[in-house]
Amino acid sequence: MKTSTLVHAAVFAAFALPVAAFAGPAPEPAFKAEKCYGIAAAAANDCQTATHSCAGSATRASDPASWIYVPAGTCAKIAGGKLAAK
């Protein structure tokens, strides 16, 4: 029973490692977009910052260093949205 669990864990790790190695910023969307800082929900960012290494890994909402892609011209209309990091 324990050997089976160990084998399953090893197989999962072998498949998960390559996926984790390629994690990074979200790809730029097909529409004309701009980066909007300070409005991303926790774990819903599109960027890489000093505190996290890839998209979807922000630990708090409204982090001024985290951004998400929004349609061009939209960021200024969102409360708390900034076109540059603080």
N, C-alpha and C. Protein backbone atom coordinates (compact mmCIF):
# COMPACT_ATOMS: atom_id res chain seq x y z
N MET A 1 0.83 -1.19 0.00
CA MET A 1 0.00 0.00 0.00
C MET A 1 0.87 1.25 0.00
N LYS A 2 1.90 1.29 0.83
CA LYS A 2 2.77 2.45 0.91
C LYS A 2 3.58 2.61 -0.37
N THR A 3 4.01 1.51 -0.97
CA THR A 3 4.76 1.57 -2.21
C THR A 3 3.91 2.18 -3.32
N SER A 4 2.66 1.80 -3.39
CA SER A 4 1.75 2.32 -4.38
C SER A 4 1.58 3.85 -4.23
N THR A 5 1.44 4.30 -3.01
CA THR A 5 1.31 5.74 -2.75
C THR A 5 2.57 6.47 -3.17
N LEU A 6 3.72 5.90 -2.88
CA LEU A 6 4.99 6.50 -3.26
C LEU A 6 5.13 6.59 -4.78
N VAL A 7 4.74 5.55 -5.47
CA VAL A 7 4.80 5.54 -6.94
C VAL A 7 3.88 6.60 -7.52
N HIS A 8 2.66 6.70 -6.98
CA HIS A 8 1.72 7.71 -7.47
C HIS A 8 2.27 9.11 -7.24
N ALA A 9 2.88 9.35 -6.09
CA ALA A 9 3.45 10.66 -5.79
C ALA A 9 4.60 10.99 -6.74
N ALA A 10 5.42 10.01 -7.04
CA ALA A 10 6.55 10.23 -7.95
C ALA A 10 6.07 10.53 -9.36
N VAL A 11 5.06 9.82 -9.82
CA VAL A 11 4.51 10.07 -11.16
C VAL A 11 3.89 11.46 -11.23
N PHE A 12 3.14 11.84 -10.20
CA PHE A 12 2.54 13.18 -10.16
C PHE A 12 3.62 14.25 -10.19
N ALA A 13 4.67 14.07 -9.41
CA ALA A 13 5.76 15.05 -9.36
C ALA A 13 6.45 15.16 -10.71
N ALA A 14 6.61 14.05 -11.40
CA ALA A 14 7.26 14.08 -12.71
C ALA A 14 6.46 14.89 -13.73
N PHE A 15 5.14 14.83 -13.63
CA PHE A 15 4.30 15.60 -14.55
C PHE A 15 4.13 17.05 -14.10
N ALA A 16 4.11 17.30 -12.81
CA ALA A 16 3.87 18.64 -12.27
C ALA A 16 5.10 19.53 -12.41
N LEU A 17 6.29 18.99 -12.30
CA LEU A 17 7.51 19.78 -12.34
C LEU A 17 7.66 20.57 -13.64
N PRO A 18 7.49 19.96 -14.81
CA PRO A 18 7.62 20.76 -16.04
C PRO A 18 6.58 21.87 -16.14
N VAL A 19 5.39 21.65 -15.65
CA VAL A 19 4.35 22.68 -15.68
C VAL A 19 4.75 23.84 -14.78
N ALA A 20 5.24 23.56 -13.59
CA ALA A 20 5.65 24.60 -12.65
C ALA A 20 6.86 25.38 -13.17
N ALA A 21 7.73 24.72 -13.92
CA ALA A 21 8.93 25.38 -14.42
C ALA A 21 8.59 26.45 -15.46
N PHE A 22 7.47 26.32 -16.15
CA PHE A 22 7.11 27.27 -17.18
C PHE A 22 6.09 28.31 -16.71
N ALA A 23 5.76 28.31 -15.43
CA ALA A 23 4.82 29.30 -14.91
C ALA A 23 5.46 30.68 -14.98
N GLY A 24 4.68 31.67 -15.29
CA GLY A 24 5.19 33.03 -15.40
C GLY A 24 4.05 33.99 -15.60
N PRO A 25 4.35 35.15 -16.14
CA PRO A 25 3.28 36.12 -16.37
C PRO A 25 2.24 35.58 -17.35
N ALA A 26 1.04 36.09 -17.23
CA ALA A 26 -0.04 35.70 -18.14
C ALA A 26 0.27 36.25 -19.54
N PRO A 27 -0.12 35.54 -20.58
CA PRO A 27 0.11 36.06 -21.93
C PRO A 27 -0.76 37.29 -22.19
N GLU A 28 -0.26 38.19 -23.02
CA GLU A 28 -1.03 39.39 -23.34
C GLU A 28 -2.28 38.98 -24.12
N PRO A 29 -3.43 39.54 -23.75
CA PRO A 29 -4.67 39.15 -24.42
C PRO A 29 -4.72 39.64 -25.87
N ALA A 30 -5.67 39.08 -26.63
CA ALA A 30 -5.81 39.42 -28.04
C ALA A 30 -6.36 40.84 -28.25
N PHE A 31 -7.11 41.35 -27.27
CA PHE A 31 -7.66 42.69 -27.40
C PHE A 31 -6.63 43.75 -27.00
N LYS A 32 -6.85 45.01 -27.41
CA LYS A 32 -5.94 46.10 -27.03
C LYS A 32 -6.06 46.30 -25.52
N ALA A 33 -4.97 46.06 -24.80
CA ALA A 33 -5.02 46.03 -23.34
C ALA A 33 -4.03 46.99 -22.71
N GLU A 34 -4.26 47.26 -21.43
CA GLU A 34 -3.32 48.02 -20.62
C GLU A 34 -3.19 47.31 -19.27
N LYS A 35 -2.07 47.53 -18.61
CA LYS A 35 -1.87 46.95 -17.29
C LYS A 35 -2.50 47.89 -16.27
N CYS A 36 -3.31 47.33 -15.37
CA CYS A 36 -3.98 48.12 -14.34
C CYS A 36 -3.53 47.60 -12.98
N TYR A 37 -2.82 48.44 -12.24
CA TYR A 37 -2.24 48.08 -10.95
C TYR A 37 -3.22 48.35 -9.81
N GLY A 38 -3.14 47.53 -8.77
CA GLY A 38 -3.86 47.77 -7.54
C GLY A 38 -5.30 47.29 -7.48
N ILE A 39 -5.76 46.56 -8.47
CA ILE A 39 -7.16 46.12 -8.46
C ILE A 39 -7.33 44.61 -8.50
N ALA A 40 -6.24 43.88 -8.61
CA ALA A 40 -6.34 42.42 -8.72
C ALA A 40 -6.81 41.80 -7.41
N ALA A 41 -7.67 40.81 -7.52
CA ALA A 41 -8.09 40.04 -6.36
C ALA A 41 -6.94 39.09 -5.97
N ALA A 42 -6.96 38.60 -4.76
CA ALA A 42 -5.95 37.63 -4.34
C ALA A 42 -5.99 36.43 -5.28
N ALA A 43 -4.84 35.99 -5.72
CA ALA A 43 -4.67 34.83 -6.61
C ALA A 43 -5.28 35.06 -7.99
N ALA A 44 -5.48 36.33 -8.40
CA ALA A 44 -6.06 36.59 -9.72
C ALA A 44 -5.24 37.63 -10.49
N ASN A 45 -3.96 37.75 -10.18
CA ASN A 45 -3.11 38.72 -10.88
C ASN A 45 -2.57 38.13 -12.18
N ASP A 46 -2.13 39.00 -13.08
CA ASP A 46 -1.56 38.57 -14.35
C ASP A 46 -0.05 38.79 -14.40
N CYS A 47 0.57 39.12 -13.29
CA CYS A 47 1.95 39.58 -13.34
C CYS A 47 2.89 38.85 -12.41
N GLN A 48 4.14 39.18 -12.58
CA GLN A 48 5.22 38.72 -11.73
C GLN A 48 5.75 39.95 -11.00
N THR A 49 5.87 39.90 -9.69
CA THR A 49 6.37 41.04 -8.92
C THR A 49 7.49 40.58 -7.99
N ALA A 50 7.93 41.47 -7.14
CA ALA A 50 8.99 41.12 -6.18
C ALA A 50 8.52 40.11 -5.14
N THR A 51 7.21 40.02 -4.89
CA THR A 51 6.71 39.13 -3.86
C THR A 51 6.18 37.80 -4.38
N HIS A 52 5.97 37.67 -5.66
CA HIS A 52 5.52 36.40 -6.23
C HIS A 52 6.06 36.26 -7.64
N SER A 53 6.15 35.02 -8.12
CA SER A 53 6.86 34.77 -9.35
C SER A 53 6.00 34.51 -10.58
N CYS A 54 4.69 34.40 -10.41
CA CYS A 54 3.90 34.13 -11.60
C CYS A 54 2.45 34.55 -11.44
N ALA A 55 1.75 34.54 -12.56
CA ALA A 55 0.33 34.91 -12.58
C ALA A 55 -0.46 34.01 -11.65
N GLY A 56 -1.46 34.61 -11.00
CA GLY A 56 -2.33 33.85 -10.12
C GLY A 56 -1.75 33.56 -8.76
N SER A 57 -0.68 34.24 -8.38
CA SER A 57 -0.06 33.93 -7.09
C SER A 57 -0.01 35.11 -6.12
N ALA A 58 -0.78 36.16 -6.38
CA ALA A 58 -0.84 37.28 -5.43
C ALA A 58 -1.50 36.79 -4.14
N THR A 59 -0.94 37.17 -3.01
CA THR A 59 -1.45 36.68 -1.74
C THR A 59 -2.48 37.61 -1.11
N ARG A 60 -2.62 38.83 -1.63
CA ARG A 60 -3.62 39.74 -1.07
C ARG A 60 -4.31 40.51 -2.20
N ALA A 61 -5.51 40.93 -1.94
CA ALA A 61 -6.27 41.71 -2.91
C ALA A 61 -5.79 43.15 -2.91
N SER A 62 -5.91 43.82 -4.02
CA SER A 62 -5.56 45.24 -4.19
C SER A 62 -4.09 45.54 -3.90
N ASP A 63 -3.21 44.58 -4.14
CA ASP A 63 -1.77 44.80 -3.96
C ASP A 63 -1.32 45.84 -4.98
N PRO A 64 -0.71 46.96 -4.55
CA PRO A 64 -0.33 48.01 -5.49
C PRO A 64 0.74 47.59 -6.49
N ALA A 65 1.46 46.50 -6.23
CA ALA A 65 2.49 46.03 -7.17
C ALA A 65 1.93 45.04 -8.19
N SER A 66 0.77 44.48 -7.93
CA SER A 66 0.18 43.49 -8.83
C SER A 66 -0.73 44.16 -9.85
N TRP A 67 -0.73 43.61 -11.07
CA TRP A 67 -1.59 44.19 -12.11
C TRP A 67 -2.35 43.08 -12.83
N ILE A 68 -3.38 43.51 -13.53
CA ILE A 68 -4.12 42.64 -14.43
C ILE A 68 -4.31 43.37 -15.75
N TYR A 69 -4.51 42.61 -16.81
CA TYR A 69 -4.82 43.22 -18.10
C TYR A 69 -6.29 43.62 -18.12
N VAL A 70 -6.56 44.83 -18.56
CA VAL A 70 -7.92 45.32 -18.77
C VAL A 70 -7.97 45.96 -20.15
N PRO A 71 -9.15 46.09 -20.75
CA PRO A 71 -9.24 46.76 -22.04
C PRO A 71 -8.69 48.19 -21.94
N ALA A 72 -8.00 48.63 -22.97
CA ALA A 72 -7.39 49.97 -22.99
C ALA A 72 -8.44 51.03 -22.69
N GLY A 73 -8.09 51.97 -21.80
CA GLY A 73 -8.99 53.04 -21.43
C GLY A 73 -9.89 52.72 -20.25
N THR A 74 -9.80 51.51 -19.73
CA THR A 74 -10.68 51.09 -18.65
C THR A 74 -10.10 51.34 -17.27
N CYS A 75 -8.80 51.24 -17.10
CA CYS A 75 -8.18 51.30 -15.78
C CYS A 75 -8.53 52.58 -15.02
N ALA A 76 -8.51 53.71 -15.70
CA ALA A 76 -8.80 54.98 -15.04
C ALA A 76 -10.24 55.06 -14.54
N LYS A 77 -11.11 54.20 -15.06
CA LYS A 77 -12.51 54.20 -14.65
C LYS A 77 -12.78 53.28 -13.46
N ILE A 78 -11.79 52.53 -13.02
CA ILE A 78 -11.96 51.57 -11.93
C ILE A 78 -11.41 52.19 -10.65
N ALA A 79 -12.20 52.17 -9.58
CA ALA A 79 -11.75 52.71 -8.30
C ALA A 79 -10.50 52.00 -7.82
N GLY A 80 -9.45 52.74 -7.57
CA GLY A 80 -8.19 52.18 -7.11
C GLY A 80 -7.25 51.77 -8.21
N GLY A 81 -7.69 51.81 -9.46
CA GLY A 81 -6.86 51.42 -10.58
C GLY A 81 -5.81 52.47 -10.92
N LYS A 82 -4.58 52.04 -11.12
CA LYS A 82 -3.47 52.91 -11.50
C LYS A 82 -2.76 52.34 -12.72
N LEU A 83 -2.26 53.21 -13.58
CA LEU A 83 -1.54 52.75 -14.77
C LEU A 83 -0.07 52.46 -14.50
N ALA A 84 0.41 52.77 -13.29
CA ALA A 84 1.78 52.50 -12.90
C ALA A 84 1.81 51.95 -11.48
N ALA A 85 2.82 51.15 -11.18
CA ALA A 85 2.95 50.59 -9.82
C ALA A 85 3.31 51.70 -8.84
N LYS A 86 2.91 51.52 -7.61
CA LYS A 86 3.27 52.49 -6.56
C LYS A 86 4.69 52.27 -6.13
